[in-house]
Amino acid sequence: MNLLRLLRLLRPHQWLKNGFVFIGLLFGHAWNDPHKLSQALAAFVAFCLLASAVYVMNDLIDREQDRRHPKKKLRPLAAGTVSVRAAVVLGALCLIAGGVIAVRYAGSAPWLFLAYVVMNLGYCFGLKHVVILDVFIIAAGFMLRILAGTLGIDIAPSHWLLLCGLMVTLFLGFAKRRAELNALLQESAGHRRVLEHYTAAMLDQFITIAAAGTIISYSLYTVSAETVALHGTRGLMVTIPFVVYGILRYLWRLHRQGGGGDPAQELLGDPHLLTAAAGWLVVVLALLSGAL
C-alpha cells in the first residue's frame, strides 16, 4: 500500500497545532533547560501520534458520511485508497506509541494525555453533535497541550497564558464552524449534524466575543505588573499589533476567501498570517532574551 496514502490518513499538517506545548518554554524562560526542552519535545511527539490516532478513528467512523462530502470524499478511507484493516492497525500503533512516549518521556503528568484521548473518544462518538460543547471540546484539546508544556514539565502555568489560550482556541473553533456553515450553503451533502443548530448570525456573535476576548486578554497580559516583573520588560505590548492583524486577517479569509476551516492550512497557506505569526515570535523571542 502506498505509504503516502497512509501518511495522508495521519494528517501531518495538523501536527502544527501541537506547537502549543512549547508556549510554556517560551514564556517560562525555560528554553535553555535541556531537560525541560526534551520533555516538551517528547510531549509534542506524543500529541502528534495521539492526534493522528484520533483522526484515523474519526475517519473510520465517518467514512460513509465523508463520501457524500465534496472535499472529505477525497480522504483515504472515504476514497477507498486505504483499507479499514490498515487504518485500524495504523491508528492502534500511533495510540500505543504516543501513550508510551507520554508516560515515559513527556513529563510528570501523563494524565493530561489520557484526558486528551478520552475527551476525543467522547467527541468522535457523539459529543461533536452537541452545539457549543463541540467547540469547547476542541478548545479543551489545545488547553491540554498548553498544560502538558507547563504543568507537565514543572513550569507554573500563568493564569494569563491559560486565559489567552482559551480565548484564541474558542475563536478558531467557532471560525471553523462558520467556515463549515459557509460551505453548507454551497453544498448540503455530508455536512455535520451539529451545523443544524448553528446560524450564521449566532456564529458571528460567538466569533466576535472570542476575538475580542483574545485581543483584550493578550493586551492586558502584556502590560500587567506580573508580566513586567516576570520578563523584565514592558516591551511585549509592541507585539499586540501582530495579534490584532492576525485575527483580522483570519476573519477576512473566513468571510471573503472561503477559508477559516483549518487553522493549520490557513497559517501555512496565507503569507500574511505566516508573516504575522513569524513576526510575533521573533519579537517575543528578542524581548524575552534581552536582545531588545
Protein backbone atom coordinates (compact mmCIF):
# COMPACT_ATOMS: atom_id res chain seq x y z
CA MET A 1 0.00 0.00 0.00
CA ASN A 2 1.21 3.48 -0.84
CA LEU A 3 2.94 4.99 2.20
CA LEU A 4 1.91 8.46 1.08
CA ARG A 5 -1.75 7.48 1.44
CA LEU A 6 -1.12 6.20 4.95
CA LEU A 7 0.68 9.43 5.78
CA ARG A 8 -2.28 11.46 4.48
CA LEU A 9 -4.53 9.48 6.81
CA LEU A 10 -2.45 10.75 9.75
CA ARG A 11 -2.97 14.40 8.64
CA PRO A 12 0.60 15.52 9.39
CA HIS A 13 -0.14 19.18 8.59
CA GLN A 14 -2.32 19.20 11.71
CA TRP A 15 0.73 18.48 13.87
CA LEU A 16 1.40 22.20 13.72
CA LYS A 17 -1.32 22.61 16.37
CA ASN A 18 0.80 20.67 18.82
CA GLY A 19 3.23 23.58 18.88
CA PHE A 20 1.09 24.86 21.76
CA VAL A 21 3.16 22.62 24.05
CA PHE A 22 6.15 24.95 23.56
CA ILE A 23 4.38 28.07 24.84
CA GLY A 24 5.40 27.21 28.40
CA LEU A 25 9.08 27.01 27.43
CA LEU A 26 8.83 30.38 25.73
CA PHE A 27 7.04 32.37 28.41
CA GLY A 28 8.55 30.39 31.28
CA HIS A 29 12.12 31.27 30.17
CA ALA A 30 12.95 27.56 30.10
CA TRP A 31 14.18 27.18 26.51
CA ASN A 32 17.76 26.86 27.76
CA ASP A 33 16.90 23.96 30.09
CA PRO A 34 17.85 20.75 28.19
CA HIS A 35 15.72 18.53 30.41
CA LYS A 36 12.56 20.59 30.04
CA LEU A 37 13.22 21.03 26.34
CA SER A 38 13.50 17.27 25.82
CA GLN A 39 10.29 16.71 27.80
CA ALA A 40 8.46 19.32 25.72
CA LEU A 41 9.71 17.72 22.50
CA ALA A 42 8.50 14.34 23.76
CA ALA A 43 5.12 15.86 24.59
CA PHE A 44 4.95 17.31 21.07
CA VAL A 45 5.68 13.90 19.51
CA ALA A 46 3.21 12.17 21.82
CA PHE A 47 0.44 14.61 20.89
CA CYS A 48 1.24 14.20 17.19
CA LEU A 49 0.85 10.43 17.45
CA LEU A 50 -2.25 10.56 19.66
CA ALA A 51 -3.91 13.20 17.49
CA SER A 52 -3.24 11.12 14.39
CA ALA A 53 -4.78 8.10 16.10
CA VAL A 54 -7.87 10.21 16.81
CA TYR A 55 -8.01 11.39 13.18
CA VAL A 56 -7.84 7.79 11.97
CA MET A 57 -10.63 6.77 14.34
CA ASN A 58 -12.76 9.73 13.29
CA ASP A 59 -12.28 8.92 9.60
CA LEU A 60 -13.23 5.31 10.26
CA ILE A 61 -16.44 6.33 11.98
CA ASP A 62 -17.38 9.00 9.42
CA ARG A 63 -16.19 7.35 6.20
CA GLU A 64 -19.70 6.77 4.82
CA GLN A 65 -20.77 10.33 5.53
CA ASP A 66 -17.47 11.67 4.17
CA ARG A 67 -18.17 10.00 0.82
CA ARG A 68 -21.08 12.40 0.36
CA HIS A 69 -18.97 15.48 1.14
CA PRO A 70 -17.41 17.44 -1.75
CA LYS A 71 -13.96 17.62 -0.11
CA LYS A 72 -13.91 14.93 2.56
CA LYS A 73 -14.69 12.27 -0.06
CA LEU A 74 -11.02 12.57 -1.06
CA ARG A 75 -9.81 11.36 2.33
CA PRO A 76 -8.06 7.97 2.06
CA LEU A 77 -10.72 5.93 3.85
CA ALA A 78 -13.66 7.64 2.18
CA ALA A 79 -11.97 7.29 -1.22
CA GLY A 80 -11.11 3.64 -0.56
CA THR A 81 -7.38 4.13 -1.14
CA VAL A 82 -6.63 2.80 2.36
CA SER A 83 -8.34 -0.30 3.73
CA VAL A 84 -10.19 -0.37 7.03
CA ARG A 85 -7.81 -3.02 8.35
CA ALA A 86 -4.74 -0.96 7.51
CA ALA A 87 -6.30 2.10 9.13
CA VAL A 88 -7.11 0.20 12.32
CA VAL A 89 -3.54 -1.13 12.58
CA LEU A 90 -2.04 2.29 11.88
CA GLY A 91 -4.30 4.02 14.40
CA ALA A 92 -3.51 1.43 17.08
CA LEU A 93 0.24 1.79 16.51
CA CYS A 94 0.01 5.57 16.83
CA LEU A 95 -2.06 5.25 20.00
CA ILE A 96 0.36 2.81 21.63
CA ALA A 97 3.50 4.70 20.59
CA GLY A 98 2.03 8.03 21.70
CA GLY A 99 0.99 6.56 25.04
CA VAL A 100 4.43 5.08 25.71
CA ILE A 101 6.18 8.37 24.92
CA ALA A 102 3.70 10.31 27.05
CA VAL A 103 4.21 8.06 30.07
CA ARG A 104 7.96 7.60 29.87
CA TYR A 105 9.39 10.80 28.41
CA ALA A 106 6.86 13.66 28.30
CA GLY A 107 6.98 14.90 31.87
CA SER A 108 5.19 14.18 35.10
CA ALA A 109 1.53 14.47 34.07
CA PRO A 110 0.65 11.59 31.72
CA TRP A 111 -2.98 12.00 32.82
CA LEU A 112 -3.15 15.04 30.53
CA PHE A 113 -2.58 12.81 27.52
CA LEU A 114 -5.09 10.27 28.81
CA ALA A 115 -7.63 13.06 29.26
CA TYR A 116 -6.97 14.15 25.66
CA VAL A 117 -7.66 10.65 24.31
CA VAL A 118 -10.76 10.09 26.47
CA MET A 119 -12.16 13.51 25.58
CA ASN A 120 -11.66 12.87 21.88
CA LEU A 121 -13.29 9.47 22.16
CA GLY A 122 -16.34 11.23 23.55
CA TYR A 123 -16.12 13.79 20.76
CA CYS A 124 -15.94 11.17 17.99
CA PHE A 125 -18.77 9.08 19.44
CA GLY A 126 -21.33 11.82 19.88
CA LEU A 127 -20.20 14.99 21.65
CA LYS A 128 -19.29 16.58 18.32
CA HIS A 129 -23.02 16.80 17.68
CA VAL A 130 -23.72 18.86 20.83
CA VAL A 131 -23.99 22.53 19.95
CA ILE A 132 -21.41 24.86 21.61
CA LEU A 133 -19.97 21.99 23.66
CA ASP A 134 -18.39 20.69 20.45
CA VAL A 135 -16.25 23.83 20.14
CA PHE A 136 -15.39 23.86 23.85
CA ILE A 137 -14.04 20.32 23.47
CA ILE A 138 -11.85 21.46 20.57
CA ALA A 139 -10.58 24.33 22.75
CA ALA A 140 -10.00 21.94 25.67
CA GLY A 141 -7.69 19.87 23.46
CA PHE A 142 -5.49 22.94 22.96
CA MET A 143 -5.60 23.75 26.67
CA LEU A 144 -4.37 20.23 27.48
CA ARG A 145 -1.45 20.82 25.12
CA ILE A 146 -0.60 24.05 26.94
CA LEU A 147 -0.83 22.30 30.32
CA ALA A 148 1.37 19.45 29.11
CA GLY A 149 4.01 22.04 28.20
CA THR A 150 3.74 23.85 31.52
CA LEU A 151 2.32 21.85 34.41
CA GLY A 152 3.55 18.59 32.87
CA ILE A 153 7.19 19.73 32.79
CA ASP A 154 7.15 21.63 36.08
CA ILE A 155 6.58 25.13 34.72
CA ALA A 156 3.89 27.02 36.60
CA PRO A 157 1.18 27.94 34.05
CA SER A 158 0.33 31.63 34.02
CA HIS A 159 -3.34 32.47 34.51
CA TRP A 160 -2.97 34.98 31.71
CA LEU A 161 -1.49 32.32 29.44
CA LEU A 162 -4.40 29.98 30.08
CA LEU A 163 -6.97 32.73 29.53
CA CYS A 164 -5.39 33.84 26.25
CA GLY A 165 -5.14 30.22 25.13
CA LEU A 166 -8.81 29.59 25.87
CA MET A 167 -9.97 32.71 24.02
CA VAL A 168 -7.92 32.14 20.89
CA THR A 169 -8.87 28.46 20.63
CA LEU A 170 -12.56 29.27 21.03
CA PHE A 171 -12.12 31.85 18.27
CA LEU A 172 -10.55 29.25 15.98
CA GLY A 173 -13.20 26.67 16.87
CA PHE A 174 -16.19 28.89 16.14
CA ALA A 175 -14.47 30.17 12.97
CA LYS A 176 -14.16 26.54 11.87
CA ARG A 177 -17.90 26.03 12.35
CA ARG A 178 -18.61 29.27 10.46
CA ALA A 179 -16.48 28.07 7.55
CA GLU A 180 -18.34 24.76 7.54
CA LEU A 181 -21.63 26.63 7.54
CA ASN A 182 -20.42 28.73 4.60
CA ALA A 183 -19.62 25.52 2.72
CA LEU A 184 -23.02 24.09 3.64
CA LEU A 185 -24.74 26.97 1.84
CA GLN A 186 -22.98 25.84 -1.33
CA GLU A 187 -23.21 22.08 -0.86
CA SER A 188 -25.60 20.44 1.61
CA ALA A 189 -24.35 16.87 1.24
CA GLY A 190 -22.34 15.31 4.04
CA HIS A 191 -22.46 18.24 6.44
CA ARG A 192 -22.01 18.00 10.20
CA ARG A 193 -25.24 17.39 12.07
CA VAL A 194 -24.31 20.00 14.67
CA LEU A 195 -24.49 22.71 11.99
CA GLU A 196 -28.27 22.33 12.07
CA HIS A 197 -28.17 24.04 15.47
CA TYR A 198 -25.99 26.98 14.40
CA THR A 199 -26.88 30.04 12.37
CA ALA A 200 -24.53 32.44 10.61
CA ALA A 201 -25.59 35.34 12.86
CA MET A 202 -25.11 33.24 16.00
CA LEU A 203 -21.63 32.09 15.00
CA ASP A 204 -20.64 35.63 14.04
CA GLN A 205 -21.58 36.75 17.56
CA PHE A 206 -19.62 33.90 19.14
CA ILE A 207 -16.60 34.69 16.96
CA THR A 208 -16.78 38.39 17.82
CA ILE A 209 -16.87 37.61 21.55
CA ALA A 210 -13.93 35.19 21.31
CA ALA A 211 -11.88 37.52 19.09
CA ALA A 212 -12.45 40.46 21.44
CA GLY A 213 -11.61 38.25 24.42
CA THR A 214 -8.36 37.18 22.75
CA ILE A 215 -7.23 40.71 21.97
CA ILE A 216 -8.22 42.13 25.36
CA SER A 217 -6.74 39.29 27.43
CA TYR A 218 -3.47 39.31 25.46
CA SER A 219 -3.21 43.10 25.64
CA LEU A 220 -3.79 43.10 29.40
CA TYR A 221 -1.24 40.31 29.78
CA THR A 222 1.48 42.33 28.04
CA VAL A 223 1.04 45.37 30.32
CA SER A 224 0.30 43.63 33.62
CA ALA A 225 2.67 44.19 36.53
CA GLU A 226 3.08 40.43 36.90
CA THR A 227 4.26 40.11 33.29
CA VAL A 228 6.67 43.03 33.54
CA ALA A 229 8.16 41.59 36.73
CA LEU A 230 8.49 38.10 35.26
CA HIS A 231 10.05 39.07 31.94
CA GLY A 232 11.81 42.27 32.99
CA THR A 233 10.43 44.27 30.08
CA ARG A 234 7.45 46.43 29.20
CA GLY A 235 8.11 45.85 25.52
CA LEU A 236 5.70 42.97 24.98
CA MET A 237 2.97 45.46 24.23
CA VAL A 238 4.61 46.07 20.84
CA THR A 239 3.54 42.54 19.85
CA ILE A 240 -0.16 43.42 20.15
CA PRO A 241 -0.43 44.66 16.53
CA PHE A 242 0.75 41.23 15.28
CA VAL A 243 -2.08 39.55 17.21
CA VAL A 244 -4.72 42.03 16.07
CA TYR A 245 -3.59 41.85 12.46
CA GLY A 246 -3.56 38.04 12.54
CA ILE A 247 -7.11 37.86 13.88
CA LEU A 248 -8.43 40.43 11.40
CA ARG A 249 -6.69 38.66 8.53
CA TYR A 250 -8.18 35.34 9.64
CA LEU A 251 -11.64 36.92 9.69
CA TRP A 252 -11.06 38.36 6.23
CA ARG A 253 -10.15 34.94 4.89
CA LEU A 254 -13.18 33.44 6.62
CA HIS A 255 -15.67 35.87 5.10
CA ARG A 256 -14.08 36.78 1.76
CA GLN A 257 -11.86 33.88 0.74
CA GLY A 258 -13.82 30.85 1.88
CA GLY A 259 -11.16 29.99 4.45
CA GLY A 260 -11.16 29.50 8.21
CA GLY A 261 -11.98 25.80 8.22
CA ASP A 262 -8.49 24.57 9.07
CA PRO A 263 -6.16 26.80 11.16
CA ALA A 264 -3.06 24.84 10.17
CA GLN A 265 -3.77 25.16 6.45
CA GLU A 266 -4.72 28.81 6.84
CA LEU A 267 -1.42 29.60 8.56
CA LEU A 268 0.73 27.65 6.12
CA GLY A 269 -1.18 28.81 3.05
CA ASP A 270 -1.51 32.54 3.71
CA PRO A 271 1.68 34.66 3.59
CA HIS A 272 0.08 37.44 5.66
CA LEU A 273 -0.83 35.10 8.52
CA LEU A 274 2.54 33.38 8.32
CA THR A 275 4.37 36.72 8.40
CA ALA A 276 2.28 37.95 11.35
CA ALA A 277 2.95 34.75 13.31
CA ALA A 278 6.66 34.77 12.48
CA GLY A 279 6.96 38.47 13.31
CA TRP A 280 5.21 37.94 16.65
CA LEU A 281 7.53 35.03 17.51
CA VAL A 282 10.71 36.85 16.51
CA VAL A 283 9.83 39.96 18.53
CA VAL A 284 8.77 37.92 21.57
CA LEU A 285 11.99 35.89 21.48
CA ALA A 286 14.06 39.07 21.14
CA LEU A 287 12.28 40.73 24.07
CA LEU A 288 12.38 37.75 26.39
CA SER A 289 16.03 37.01 25.64
CA GLY A 290 17.00 40.62 26.29
CA ALA A 291 18.09 41.32 22.72
CA LEU A 292 15.61 44.22 22.57
